[in-house]
Amino acid sequence: MFPSVNFSLTDKPLLQLKSCAYLAHKFASGADETMVKTSHDLLGEYAVCICDDDNDLEMALACSRAYLPSVTSESMAEAAKENPKQIYITQNKEEGIVGVTATEKALRIILGEA
């Protein structure tokens, strides 16, 4: 199981992406030194993220799957529309799944409980 890390303390996309890539590489390949994969490959294979705005877009596209509890900008809505298998919007206003409930839905999906 990989660790959960909150990168919200920084709104610097490159730092978020590098930090996430470092953790994916450390935890995915630490036990097998023969594994020759780049950190970016590992993100696309193992990492998921919960994100919400433009500064998260690069990380969302690098991860295997990204979950948006809310859509805060046109660019995030467009990215989700262009990448429906990779970026998933958990918010559903008609069903009352907003805010914390949308975040809980993302966590349930990630943990395989949905």
Protein backbone atom coordinates (compact mmCIF):
# COMPACT_ATOMS: atom_id res chain seq x y z
CA MET A 1 0.00 0.00 0.00
CA PHE A 2 1.32 3.39 -0.94
CA PRO A 3 1.24 6.32 1.47
CA SER A 4 -1.27 9.13 1.24
CA VAL A 5 0.41 12.50 0.98
CA ASN A 6 -1.26 15.90 0.90
CA PHE A 7 0.60 18.33 -1.33
CA SER A 8 -1.90 21.16 -0.76
CA LEU A 9 0.64 23.17 1.22
CA THR A 10 2.27 24.10 -2.05
CA ASP A 11 0.62 25.49 -5.14
CA LYS A 12 3.68 24.90 -7.27
CA PRO A 13 2.71 22.26 -9.87
CA LEU A 14 6.26 21.16 -10.67
CA LEU A 15 7.07 20.65 -6.97
CA GLN A 16 3.84 18.66 -6.53
CA LEU A 17 4.62 16.48 -9.53
CA LYS A 18 8.23 15.91 -8.49
CA SER A 19 7.19 15.04 -4.93
CA CYS A 20 4.53 12.61 -6.12
CA ALA A 21 6.94 11.05 -8.63
CA TYR A 22 9.60 10.65 -5.94
CA LEU A 23 7.18 8.82 -3.63
CA ALA A 24 5.89 6.60 -6.42
CA HIS A 25 9.44 5.65 -7.36
CA LYS A 26 10.50 5.09 -3.76
CA PHE A 27 7.60 2.87 -2.78
CA ALA A 28 7.01 1.05 -6.07
CA SER A 29 10.59 0.11 -6.85
CA GLY A 30 12.24 0.04 -3.43
CA ALA A 31 12.03 -3.74 -3.04
CA ASP A 32 13.07 -4.60 -6.57
CA GLU A 33 16.27 -2.98 -7.75
CA THR A 34 15.98 -4.61 -11.17
CA MET A 35 12.85 -2.62 -11.94
CA VAL A 36 13.87 -0.04 -14.49
CA LYS A 37 11.12 2.51 -14.73
CA THR A 38 11.12 6.25 -14.57
CA SER A 39 9.22 8.05 -11.85
CA HIS A 40 6.81 9.33 -14.49
CA ASP A 41 6.08 5.76 -15.66
CA LEU A 42 5.37 4.77 -12.07
CA LEU A 43 2.97 7.67 -11.58
CA GLY A 44 1.02 6.57 -14.62
CA GLU A 45 0.91 3.02 -13.32
CA TYR A 46 0.48 3.33 -9.55
CA ALA A 47 -0.41 6.84 -8.42
CA VAL A 48 -3.85 8.38 -8.06
CA CYS A 49 -4.69 11.84 -6.82
CA ILE A 50 -7.57 13.92 -5.58
CA CYS A 51 -7.33 17.42 -6.93
CA ASP A 52 -9.44 20.44 -7.72
CA ASP A 53 -7.80 23.26 -9.61
CA ASP A 54 -5.46 24.33 -12.37
CA ASN A 55 -2.29 24.01 -10.33
CA ASP A 56 -3.07 20.27 -10.02
CA LEU A 57 -3.63 19.64 -13.72
CA GLU A 58 -0.13 18.45 -14.58
CA MET A 59 -0.15 16.02 -11.63
CA ALA A 60 -3.65 14.81 -12.54
CA LEU A 61 -2.54 14.00 -16.07
CA ALA A 62 0.62 12.24 -14.84
CA CYS A 63 -1.23 9.94 -12.42
CA SER A 64 -3.08 6.82 -13.49
CA ARG A 65 -6.35 8.34 -12.29
CA ALA A 66 -7.37 11.70 -10.85
CA TYR A 67 -10.53 12.44 -8.91
CA LEU A 68 -12.16 15.87 -8.79
CA PRO A 69 -14.56 16.40 -5.88
CA SER A 70 -15.44 19.71 -7.52
CA VAL A 71 -14.66 21.51 -10.74
CA THR A 72 -13.16 24.91 -9.99
CA SER A 73 -12.21 26.06 -13.47
CA GLU A 74 -13.03 25.70 -17.14
CA SER A 75 -9.62 24.15 -17.81
CA MET A 76 -10.21 21.37 -15.27
CA ALA A 77 -13.68 20.74 -16.71
CA GLU A 78 -12.16 20.58 -20.20
CA ALA A 79 -9.38 18.24 -19.05
CA ALA A 80 -11.95 15.91 -17.47
CA LYS A 81 -14.00 16.00 -20.67
CA GLU A 82 -10.93 15.26 -22.82
CA ASN A 83 -9.62 12.50 -20.50
CA PRO A 84 -12.71 10.74 -19.08
CA LYS A 85 -10.86 7.51 -18.31
CA GLN A 86 -8.16 9.37 -16.39
CA ILE A 87 -9.91 12.33 -14.75
CA TYR A 88 -13.13 11.50 -12.95
CA ILE A 89 -15.49 14.08 -11.43
CA THR A 90 -17.06 12.71 -8.26
CA GLN A 91 -19.33 15.71 -7.69
CA ASN A 92 -22.95 15.14 -8.69
CA LYS A 93 -25.19 18.02 -7.67
CA GLU A 94 -28.39 16.23 -8.73
CA GLU A 95 -27.62 13.38 -6.30
CA GLY A 96 -26.43 15.74 -3.56
CA ILE A 97 -22.82 14.57 -3.85
CA VAL A 98 -20.95 17.82 -3.25
CA GLY A 99 -18.18 19.09 -1.00
CA VAL A 100 -17.14 16.58 1.62
CA THR A 101 -19.48 13.94 0.20
CA ALA A 102 -17.77 14.19 -3.19
CA THR A 103 -14.37 13.82 -1.50
CA GLU A 104 -15.65 10.78 0.42
CA LYS A 105 -16.88 9.28 -2.86
CA ALA A 106 -13.39 9.70 -4.36
CA LEU A 107 -11.81 8.04 -1.33
CA ARG A 108 -14.26 5.13 -1.50
CA ILE A 109 -13.48 4.57 -5.17
CA ILE A 110 -9.73 4.69 -4.49
CA LEU A 111 -10.07 2.22 -1.63
CA GLY A 112 -12.25 -0.05 -3.75
CA GLU A 113 -15.39 0.37 -1.67
CA ALA A 114 -17.61 2.02 -4.26
